[in-house]
Amino acid sequence: MSQDHAPPRPGAALAVPADSPPAIGTPLDMVEVLKARLLRVRGRPKRARTRARILAATAEEIGATGYPMLTVERICERAGIARGTFYLYFSHRSDAAIAVYRLFWATMRRWRPRHFSIDLAERVRVTNAFYVATYACNNRLLSGQIALASERPDFAQVRDMVNHRWSQVIARILPLSLDAPSRALRARALAGMVDDLLRDIYGQQSPTLAQWRDQPFALAHHISEIWLAVIAREGQTPPDLWDGAS
């Protein structure tokens, strides 16, 4: 990896205003993003400020104890608001959590690395380094999606569509010798493989994978090599297809 695109040290999380793009490879810490957002809404109406406090508190609580342990009482205590105030904005703890996840996905779309000056293999490596490091910073938040999806079928559908759209991005770099449905299936399998592995390492704290917990960039390297092997197996697609990914 070139010096210009070298990621920061493991554990170095994003701590910049939420409207500023991070340096290449910098892991996105959603709790820090939402804390920074609180500063940006200081001059906004009270309703906007209170909603931002609730979302920041929700993200912090999920990050601290996981979604299954999330309660309205804990959100209110952390946000410094009355329970009744919470219900002026959200009808249930799951509604606040869904709002946090929507912001997380939107931030990921805006800030994921986009590189037009390096080759396809390097772009895969940089993108996976960003994703793995971001997962490590937000492991409880991301692991909580499964419990929330079980509780809220509507969230499960939205999450499925998010995964589908990301798979479409990945499919663009798979061999053109495959038909579109086959590329889409392989892309979903690659993405699912990564999420399951990261969940085992950071969410379930698997003892047999413990050595990788503090090596996010080495872990991303191995994941990228698997991806590149799949891409190369039947011939590499033109690299400009990755450039056009949304």
C-alpha atoms as a PDB file:
ATOM      1  CA  MET A   1       0.000   0.000   0.000  1.00  0.00           C
ATOM      2  CA  SER A   2       1.422   3.386  -0.940  1.00  0.00           C
ATOM      3  CA  GLN A   3       2.287   5.955   1.713  1.00  0.00           C
ATOM      4  CA  ASP A   4      -0.449   8.278   0.391  1.00  0.00           C
ATOM      5  CA  HIS A   5      -3.096   5.652   1.107  1.00  0.00           C
ATOM      6  CA  ALA A   6      -1.712   4.111   4.295  1.00  0.00           C
ATOM      7  CA  PRO A   7      -4.416   3.725   6.969  1.00  0.00           C
ATOM      8  CA  PRO A   8      -3.964   5.065  10.499  1.00  0.00           C
ATOM      9  CA  ARG A   9      -2.863   2.911  13.405  1.00  0.00           C
ATOM     10  CA  PRO A  10      -5.421   0.325  14.592  1.00  0.00           C
ATOM     11  CA  GLY A  11      -7.842   1.914  17.030  1.00  0.00           C
ATOM     12  CA  ALA A  12      -7.444   5.428  15.629  1.00  0.00           C
ATOM     13  CA  ALA A  13     -11.099   6.400  15.241  1.00  0.00           C
ATOM     14  CA  LEU A  14     -12.800   9.239  13.472  1.00  0.00           C
ATOM     15  CA  ALA A  15     -13.164  12.324  15.656  1.00  0.00           C
ATOM     16  CA  VAL A  16     -13.957  15.122  13.195  1.00  0.00           C
ATOM     17  CA  PRO A  17     -17.115  17.146  12.528  1.00  0.00           C
ATOM     18  CA  ALA A  18     -19.775  14.989  10.887  1.00  0.00           C
ATOM     19  CA  ASP A  19     -19.740  17.028   7.671  1.00  0.00           C
ATOM     20  CA  SER A  20     -15.991  16.531   7.079  1.00  0.00           C
ATOM     21  CA  PRO A  21     -14.772  13.474   5.126  1.00  0.00           C
ATOM     22  CA  PRO A  22     -12.175  11.365   6.976  1.00  0.00           C
ATOM     23  CA  ALA A  23      -8.656  10.611   5.838  1.00  0.00           C
ATOM     24  CA  ILE A  24      -8.356   7.539   3.632  1.00  0.00           C
ATOM     25  CA  GLY A  25      -8.691   4.374   5.699  1.00  0.00           C
ATOM     26  CA  THR A  26      -9.725   6.157   8.900  1.00  0.00           C
ATOM     27  CA  PRO A  27     -12.264   3.985  10.748  1.00  0.00           C
ATOM     28  CA  LEU A  28     -15.636   5.592  11.276  1.00  0.00           C
ATOM     29  CA  ASP A  29     -16.754   5.648  14.922  1.00  0.00           C
ATOM     30  CA  MET A  30     -20.488   6.364  14.881  1.00  0.00           C
ATOM     31  CA  VAL A  31     -20.617   7.433  18.510  1.00  0.00           C
ATOM     32  CA  GLU A  32     -18.000  10.100  17.815  1.00  0.00           C
ATOM     33  CA  VAL A  33     -19.833  11.178  14.659  1.00  0.00           C
ATOM     34  CA  LEU A  34     -23.049  11.713  16.587  1.00  0.00           C
ATOM     35  CA  LYS A  35     -21.236  13.548  19.375  1.00  0.00           C
ATOM     36  CA  ALA A  36     -19.761  15.885  16.764  1.00  0.00           C
ATOM     37  CA  ARG A  37     -23.242  16.317  15.332  1.00  0.00           C
ATOM     38  CA  LEU A  38     -24.395  17.658  18.706  1.00  0.00           C
ATOM     39  CA  LEU A  39     -21.977  20.550  18.277  1.00  0.00           C
ATOM     40  CA  ARG A  40     -23.283  21.305  14.802  1.00  0.00           C
ATOM     41  CA  VAL A  41     -26.903  21.615  15.941  1.00  0.00           C
ATOM     42  CA  ARG A  42     -26.242  23.984  18.839  1.00  0.00           C
ATOM     43  CA  GLY A  43     -27.787  26.894  16.978  1.00  0.00           C
ATOM     44  CA  ARG A  44     -30.733  24.868  15.657  1.00  0.00           C
ATOM     45  CA  PRO A  45     -34.249  24.797  17.174  1.00  0.00           C
ATOM     46  CA  LYS A  46     -34.679  22.897  20.446  1.00  0.00           C
ATOM     47  CA  ARG A  47     -36.474  20.019  18.731  1.00  0.00           C
ATOM     48  CA  ALA A  48     -33.473  19.343  16.475  1.00  0.00           C
ATOM     49  CA  ARG A  49     -31.071  19.572  19.429  1.00  0.00           C
ATOM     50  CA  THR A  50     -33.105  17.182  21.572  1.00  0.00           C
ATOM     51  CA  ARG A  51     -33.458  14.645  18.760  1.00  0.00           C
ATOM     52  CA  ALA A  52     -29.700  14.753  18.189  1.00  0.00           C
ATOM     53  CA  ARG A  53     -29.122  14.127  21.922  1.00  0.00           C
ATOM     54  CA  ILE A  54     -31.446  11.116  21.859  1.00  0.00           C
ATOM     55  CA  LEU A  55     -29.704   9.608  18.842  1.00  0.00           C
ATOM     56  CA  ALA A  56     -26.249  10.166  20.315  1.00  0.00           C
ATOM     57  CA  ALA A  57     -27.354   8.590  23.605  1.00  0.00           C
ATOM     58  CA  THR A  58     -28.934   5.637  21.776  1.00  0.00           C
ATOM     59  CA  ALA A  59     -25.738   4.966  19.837  1.00  0.00           C
ATOM     60  CA  GLU A  60     -23.662   5.207  23.019  1.00  0.00           C
ATOM     61  CA  GLU A  61     -25.937   2.791  24.876  1.00  0.00           C
ATOM     62  CA  ILE A  62     -25.909   0.223  22.070  1.00  0.00           C
ATOM     63  CA  GLY A  63     -22.138   0.600  21.811  1.00  0.00           C
ATOM     64  CA  ALA A  64     -21.742   0.096  25.560  1.00  0.00           C
ATOM     65  CA  THR A  65     -24.107  -2.811  26.225  1.00  0.00           C
ATOM     66  CA  GLY A  66     -25.555  -3.988  22.895  1.00  0.00           C
ATOM     67  CA  TYR A  67     -29.064  -3.586  21.489  1.00  0.00           C
ATOM     68  CA  PRO A  68     -30.732  -6.341  23.583  1.00  0.00           C
ATOM     69  CA  MET A  69     -29.889  -4.390  26.764  1.00  0.00           C
ATOM     70  CA  LEU A  70     -31.080  -1.046  25.365  1.00  0.00           C
ATOM     71  CA  THR A  71     -33.904   0.592  27.327  1.00  0.00           C
ATOM     72  CA  VAL A  72     -35.719   3.906  27.074  1.00  0.00           C
ATOM     73  CA  GLU A  73     -34.682   4.608  30.682  1.00  0.00           C
ATOM     74  CA  ARG A  74     -30.991   4.265  29.849  1.00  0.00           C
ATOM     75  CA  ILE A  75     -31.325   6.421  26.753  1.00  0.00           C
ATOM     76  CA  CYS A  76     -33.060   9.149  28.747  1.00  0.00           C
ATOM     77  CA  GLU A  77     -30.521   9.008  31.571  1.00  0.00           C
ATOM     78  CA  ARG A  78     -27.620   9.328  29.156  1.00  0.00           C
ATOM     79  CA  ALA A  79     -29.322  12.082  27.137  1.00  0.00           C
ATOM     80  CA  GLY A  80     -30.371  13.976  30.261  1.00  0.00           C
ATOM     81  CA  ILE A  81     -34.050  14.108  29.343  1.00  0.00           C
ATOM     82  CA  ALA A  82     -37.323  13.002  30.909  1.00  0.00           C
ATOM     83  CA  ARG A  83     -38.941   9.759  29.757  1.00  0.00           C
ATOM     84  CA  GLY A  84     -41.934  11.698  28.470  1.00  0.00           C
ATOM     85  CA  THR A  85     -39.659  13.784  26.277  1.00  0.00           C
ATOM     86  CA  PHE A  86     -38.339  10.655  24.576  1.00  0.00           C
ATOM     87  CA  TYR A  87     -41.855   9.685  23.505  1.00  0.00           C
ATOM     88  CA  LEU A  88     -42.348  13.049  21.824  1.00  0.00           C
ATOM     89  CA  TYR A  89     -39.734  11.894  19.294  1.00  0.00           C
ATOM     90  CA  PHE A  90     -39.878   8.078  19.210  1.00  0.00           C
ATOM     91  CA  SER A  91     -42.574   5.597  20.187  1.00  0.00           C
ATOM     92  CA  HIS A  92     -40.199   2.759  21.099  1.00  0.00           C
ATOM     93  CA  ARG A  93     -36.505   2.088  21.739  1.00  0.00           C
ATOM     94  CA  SER A  94     -36.366   0.282  18.375  1.00  0.00           C
ATOM     95  CA  ASP A  95     -37.435   3.447  16.524  1.00  0.00           C
ATOM     96  CA  ALA A  96     -34.493   5.361  17.991  1.00  0.00           C
ATOM     97  CA  ALA A  97     -32.151   2.492  17.131  1.00  0.00           C
ATOM     98  CA  ILE A  98     -33.409   2.350  13.533  1.00  0.00           C
ATOM     99  CA  ALA A  99     -32.778   6.090  13.179  1.00  0.00           C
ATOM    100  CA  VAL A 100     -29.184   5.539  14.368  1.00  0.00           C
ATOM    101  CA  TYR A 101     -28.634   2.715  11.865  1.00  0.00           C
ATOM    102  CA  ARG A 102     -30.032   4.806   9.021  1.00  0.00           C
ATOM    103  CA  LEU A 103     -27.552   7.556   9.883  1.00  0.00           C
ATOM    104  CA  PHE A 104     -24.755   4.992  10.061  1.00  0.00           C
ATOM    105  CA  TRP A 105     -25.523   3.622   6.595  1.00  0.00           C
ATOM    106  CA  ALA A 106     -25.803   7.119   5.137  1.00  0.00           C
ATOM    107  CA  THR A 107     -22.460   8.097   6.657  1.00  0.00           C
ATOM    108  CA  MET A 108     -20.832   4.925   5.334  1.00  0.00           C
ATOM    109  CA  ARG A 109     -22.101   5.690   1.832  1.00  0.00           C
ATOM    110  CA  ARG A 110     -20.715   9.219   1.977  1.00  0.00           C
ATOM    111  CA  TRP A 111     -17.351   8.387   3.494  1.00  0.00           C
ATOM    112  CA  ARG A 112     -16.351   4.991   2.170  1.00  0.00           C
ATOM    113  CA  PRO A 113     -13.065   5.307   0.245  1.00  0.00           C
ATOM    114  CA  ARG A 114     -13.310   6.218  -3.435  1.00  0.00           C
ATOM    115  CA  HIS A 115     -10.024   6.078  -5.305  1.00  0.00           C
ATOM    116  CA  PHE A 116      -9.610   6.884  -8.960  1.00  0.00           C
ATOM    117  CA  SER A 117      -5.827   6.904  -9.142  1.00  0.00           C
ATOM    118  CA  ILE A 118      -4.924   3.400  -7.958  1.00  0.00           C
ATOM    119  CA  ASP A 119      -5.551  -0.003  -9.511  1.00  0.00           C
ATOM    120  CA  LEU A 120      -8.447  -2.308  -8.743  1.00  0.00           C
ATOM    121  CA  ALA A 121      -6.544  -4.572  -6.348  1.00  0.00           C
ATOM    122  CA  GLU A 122      -5.401  -1.625  -4.268  1.00  0.00           C
ATOM    123  CA  ARG A 123      -8.913  -0.184  -4.177  1.00  0.00           C
ATOM    124  CA  VAL A 124     -10.282  -3.482  -2.881  1.00  0.00           C
ATOM    125  CA  ARG A 125      -7.631  -3.528  -0.153  1.00  0.00           C
ATOM    126  CA  VAL A 126      -8.211   0.085   0.904  1.00  0.00           C
ATOM    127  CA  THR A 127     -11.995  -0.340   0.966  1.00  0.00           C
ATOM    128  CA  ASN A 128     -11.807  -3.539   3.024  1.00  0.00           C
ATOM    129  CA  ALA A 129      -9.326  -1.926   5.425  1.00  0.00           C
ATOM    130  CA  PHE A 130     -11.840   0.868   5.977  1.00  0.00           C
ATOM    131  CA  TYR A 131     -14.745  -1.536   6.492  1.00  0.00           C
ATOM    132  CA  VAL A 132     -12.947  -3.910   8.860  1.00  0.00           C
ATOM    133  CA  ALA A 133     -11.561  -1.073  10.990  1.00  0.00           C
ATOM    134  CA  THR A 134     -15.002   0.571  11.062  1.00  0.00           C
ATOM    135  CA  TYR A 135     -16.603  -2.709  12.132  1.00  0.00           C
ATOM    136  CA  ALA A 136     -14.035  -3.044  14.915  1.00  0.00           C
ATOM    137  CA  CYS A 137     -14.934   0.464  16.168  1.00  0.00           C
ATOM    138  CA  ASN A 138     -18.682  -0.214  16.015  1.00  0.00           C
ATOM    139  CA  ASN A 139     -18.869  -3.945  16.717  1.00  0.00           C
ATOM    140  CA  ARG A 140     -21.669  -3.841  19.308  1.00  0.00           C
ATOM    141  CA  LEU A 141     -23.643  -1.376  17.214  1.00  0.00           C
ATOM    142  CA  LEU A 142     -23.366  -3.541  14.098  1.00  0.00           C
ATOM    143  CA  SER A 143     -23.948  -6.811  15.926  1.00  0.00           C
ATOM    144  CA  GLY A 144     -27.164  -5.335  17.298  1.00  0.00           C
ATOM    145  CA  GLN A 145     -28.733  -5.310  13.843  1.00  0.00           C
ATOM    146  CA  ILE A 146     -29.573  -9.019  14.097  1.00  0.00           C
ATOM    147  CA  ALA A 147     -31.581  -8.646  17.314  1.00  0.00           C
ATOM    148  CA  LEU A 148     -33.302  -5.529  15.992  1.00  0.00           C
ATOM    149  CA  ALA A 149     -34.184  -7.267  12.705  1.00  0.00           C
ATOM    150  CA  SER A 150     -35.775 -10.114  14.684  1.00  0.00           C
ATOM    151  CA  GLU A 151     -37.839  -7.610  16.640  1.00  0.00           C
ATOM    152  CA  ARG A 152     -38.759  -5.379  13.700  1.00  0.00           C
ATOM    153  CA  PRO A 153     -39.526  -7.064  10.348  1.00  0.00           C
ATOM    154  CA  ASP A 154     -39.653  -3.653   8.669  1.00  0.00           C
ATOM    155  CA  PHE A 155     -36.054  -3.032   9.724  1.00  0.00           C
ATOM    156  CA  ALA A 156     -35.089  -6.475   8.420  1.00  0.00           C
ATOM    157  CA  GLN A 157     -36.450  -5.494   5.007  1.00  0.00           C
ATOM    158  CA  VAL A 158     -34.572  -2.194   4.976  1.00  0.00           C
ATOM    159  CA  ARG A 159     -31.365  -3.935   6.058  1.00  0.00           C
ATOM    160  CA  ASP A 160     -31.823  -6.515   3.307  1.00  0.00           C
ATOM    161  CA  MET A 161     -32.112  -3.731   0.736  1.00  0.00           C
ATOM    162  CA  VAL A 162     -28.978  -2.033   2.084  1.00  0.00           C
ATOM    163  CA  ASN A 163     -27.090  -5.328   1.755  1.00  0.00           C
ATOM    164  CA  HIS A 164     -28.515  -5.822  -1.753  1.00  0.00           C
ATOM    165  CA  ARG A 165     -27.339  -2.377  -2.893  1.00  0.00           C
ATOM    166  CA  TRP A 166     -23.869  -2.969  -1.506  1.00  0.00           C
ATOM    167  CA  SER A 167     -23.775  -6.357  -3.226  1.00  0.00           C
ATOM    168  CA  GLN A 168     -24.590  -4.628  -6.501  1.00  0.00           C
ATOM    169  CA  VAL A 169     -21.541  -2.435  -6.025  1.00  0.00           C
ATOM    170  CA  ILE A 170     -19.363  -5.504  -5.413  1.00  0.00           C
ATOM    171  CA  ALA A 171     -20.911  -7.326  -8.383  1.00  0.00           C
ATOM    172  CA  ARG A 172     -19.537  -4.677 -10.723  1.00  0.00           C
ATOM    173  CA  ILE A 173     -15.995  -5.896 -10.126  1.00  0.00           C
ATOM    174  CA  LEU A 174     -16.762  -9.598 -10.622  1.00  0.00           C
ATOM    175  CA  PRO A 175     -15.984 -11.366 -13.922  1.00  0.00           C
ATOM    176  CA  LEU A 176     -18.187 -10.322 -16.824  1.00  0.00           C
ATOM    177  CA  SER A 177     -18.114 -13.935 -17.992  1.00  0.00           C
ATOM    178  CA  LEU A 178     -20.756 -14.561 -15.324  1.00  0.00           C
ATOM    179  CA  ASP A 179     -24.380 -13.619 -15.888  1.00  0.00           C
ATOM    180  CA  ALA A 180     -25.863 -10.827 -13.752  1.00  0.00           C
ATOM    181  CA  PRO A 181     -27.727 -13.074 -11.259  1.00  0.00           C
ATOM    182  CA  SER A 182     -24.573 -15.148 -10.699  1.00  0.00           C
ATOM    183  CA  ARG A 183     -22.476 -12.043 -10.078  1.00  0.00           C
ATOM    184  CA  ALA A 184     -25.104 -10.729  -7.647  1.00  0.00           C
ATOM    185  CA  LEU A 185     -25.176 -14.031  -5.744  1.00  0.00           C
ATOM    186  CA  ARG A 186     -21.383 -14.240  -5.475  1.00  0.00           C
ATOM    187  CA  ALA A 187     -21.220 -10.620  -4.369  1.00  0.00           C
ATOM    188  CA  ARG A 188     -23.780 -11.256  -1.620  1.00  0.00           C
ATOM    189  CA  ALA A 189     -21.827 -14.340  -0.551  1.00  0.00           C
ATOM    190  CA  LEU A 190     -18.578 -12.360  -0.346  1.00  0.00           C
ATOM    191  CA  ALA A 191     -20.219  -9.604   1.700  1.00  0.00           C
ATOM    192  CA  GLY A 192     -21.966 -12.128   3.960  1.00  0.00           C
ATOM    193  CA  MET A 193     -18.731 -14.017   4.505  1.00  0.00           C
ATOM    194  CA  VAL A 194     -17.032 -10.849   5.716  1.00  0.00           C
ATOM    195  CA  ASP A 195     -19.871  -9.854   8.048  1.00  0.00           C
ATOM    196  CA  ASP A 196     -20.102 -13.336   9.563  1.00  0.00           C
ATOM    197  CA  LEU A 197     -16.357 -13.448  10.122  1.00  0.00           C
ATOM    198  CA  LEU A 198     -16.253  -9.990  11.709  1.00  0.00           C
ATOM    199  CA  ARG A 199     -19.228 -10.864  13.891  1.00  0.00           C
ATOM    200  CA  ASP A 200     -17.381 -13.941  15.150  1.00  0.00           C
ATOM    201  CA  ILE A 201     -14.200 -11.972  15.838  1.00  0.00           C
ATOM    202  CA  TYR A 202     -15.581  -8.744  17.305  1.00  0.00           C
ATOM    203  CA  GLY A 203     -19.163  -9.574  18.299  1.00  0.00           C
ATOM    204  CA  GLN A 204     -18.977 -13.150  19.576  1.00  0.00           C
ATOM    205  CA  GLN A 205     -15.346 -12.741  20.680  1.00  0.00           C
ATOM    206  CA  SER A 206     -14.426 -16.168  19.281  1.00  0.00           C
ATOM    207  CA  PRO A 207     -11.423 -17.582  21.226  1.00  0.00           C
ATOM    208  CA  THR A 208     -10.105 -19.362  18.123  1.00  0.00           C
ATOM    209  CA  LEU A 209      -9.992 -16.051  16.229  1.00  0.00           C
ATOM    210  CA  ALA A 210      -8.772 -13.895  19.124  1.00  0.00           C
ATOM    211  CA  GLN A 211      -5.383 -13.234  17.527  1.00  0.00           C
ATOM    212  CA  TRP A 212      -7.063 -11.160  14.796  1.00  0.00           C
ATOM    213  CA  ARG A 213      -9.033  -8.901  17.132  1.00  0.00           C
ATOM    214  CA  ASP A 214      -6.233  -6.359  17.416  1.00  0.00           C
ATOM    215  CA  GLN A 215      -5.041  -6.708  13.829  1.00  0.00           C
ATOM    216  CA  PRO A 216      -7.811  -5.138  11.713  1.00  0.00           C
ATOM    217  CA  PHE A 217      -5.539  -4.218   8.822  1.00  0.00           C
ATOM    218  CA  ALA A 218      -3.913  -7.650   8.645  1.00  0.00           C
ATOM    219  CA  LEU A 219      -7.405  -9.145   8.786  1.00  0.00           C
ATOM    220  CA  ALA A 220      -8.559  -6.856   5.970  1.00  0.00           C
ATOM    221  CA  HIS A 221      -5.545  -7.917   3.909  1.00  0.00           C
ATOM    222  CA  HIS A 222      -6.513 -11.592   4.084  1.00  0.00           C
ATOM    223  CA  ILE A 223     -10.138 -10.807   3.274  1.00  0.00           C
ATOM    224  CA  SER A 224      -9.024  -8.776   0.270  1.00  0.00           C
ATOM    225  CA  GLU A 225      -6.821 -11.595  -1.005  1.00  0.00           C
ATOM    226  CA  ILE A 226      -9.856 -13.899  -0.968  1.00  0.00           C
ATOM    227  CA  TRP A 227     -11.907 -11.315  -2.867  1.00  0.00           C
ATOM    228  CA  LEU A 228      -9.161 -10.792  -5.425  1.00  0.00           C
ATOM    229  CA  ALA A 229      -8.806 -14.535  -5.948  1.00  0.00           C
ATOM    230  CA  VAL A 230     -12.523 -14.730  -6.782  1.00  0.00           C
ATOM    231  CA  ILE A 231     -12.270 -11.755  -9.130  1.00  0.00           C
ATOM    232  CA  ALA A 232      -9.225 -13.173 -10.915  1.00  0.00           C
ATOM    233  CA  ARG A 233     -10.503 -16.729 -11.229  1.00  0.00           C
ATOM    234  CA  GLU A 234     -12.454 -16.122 -14.418  1.00  0.00           C
ATOM    235  CA  GLY A 235     -10.747 -12.977 -15.598  1.00  0.00           C
ATOM    236  CA  GLN A 236     -10.653  -9.498 -14.106  1.00  0.00           C
ATOM    237  CA  THR A 237     -13.297  -6.973 -15.104  1.00  0.00           C
ATOM    238  CA  PRO A 238     -12.271  -3.517 -16.379  1.00  0.00           C
ATOM    239  CA  PRO A 239     -11.110  -1.447 -13.387  1.00  0.00           C
ATOM    240  CA  ASP A 240     -13.209   1.595 -14.319  1.00  0.00           C
ATOM    241  CA  LEU A 241     -16.340  -0.289 -13.238  1.00  0.00           C
ATOM    242  CA  TRP A 242     -15.288   0.128  -9.600  1.00  0.00           C
ATOM    243  CA  ASP A 243     -14.857   3.872 -10.164  1.00  0.00           C
ATOM    244  CA  GLY A 244     -18.513   4.188 -11.079  1.00  0.00           C
ATOM    245  CA  ALA A 245     -19.789   2.430  -7.972  1.00  0.00           C
ATOM    246  CA  SER A 246     -22.255   4.527  -6.019  1.00  0.00           C
END
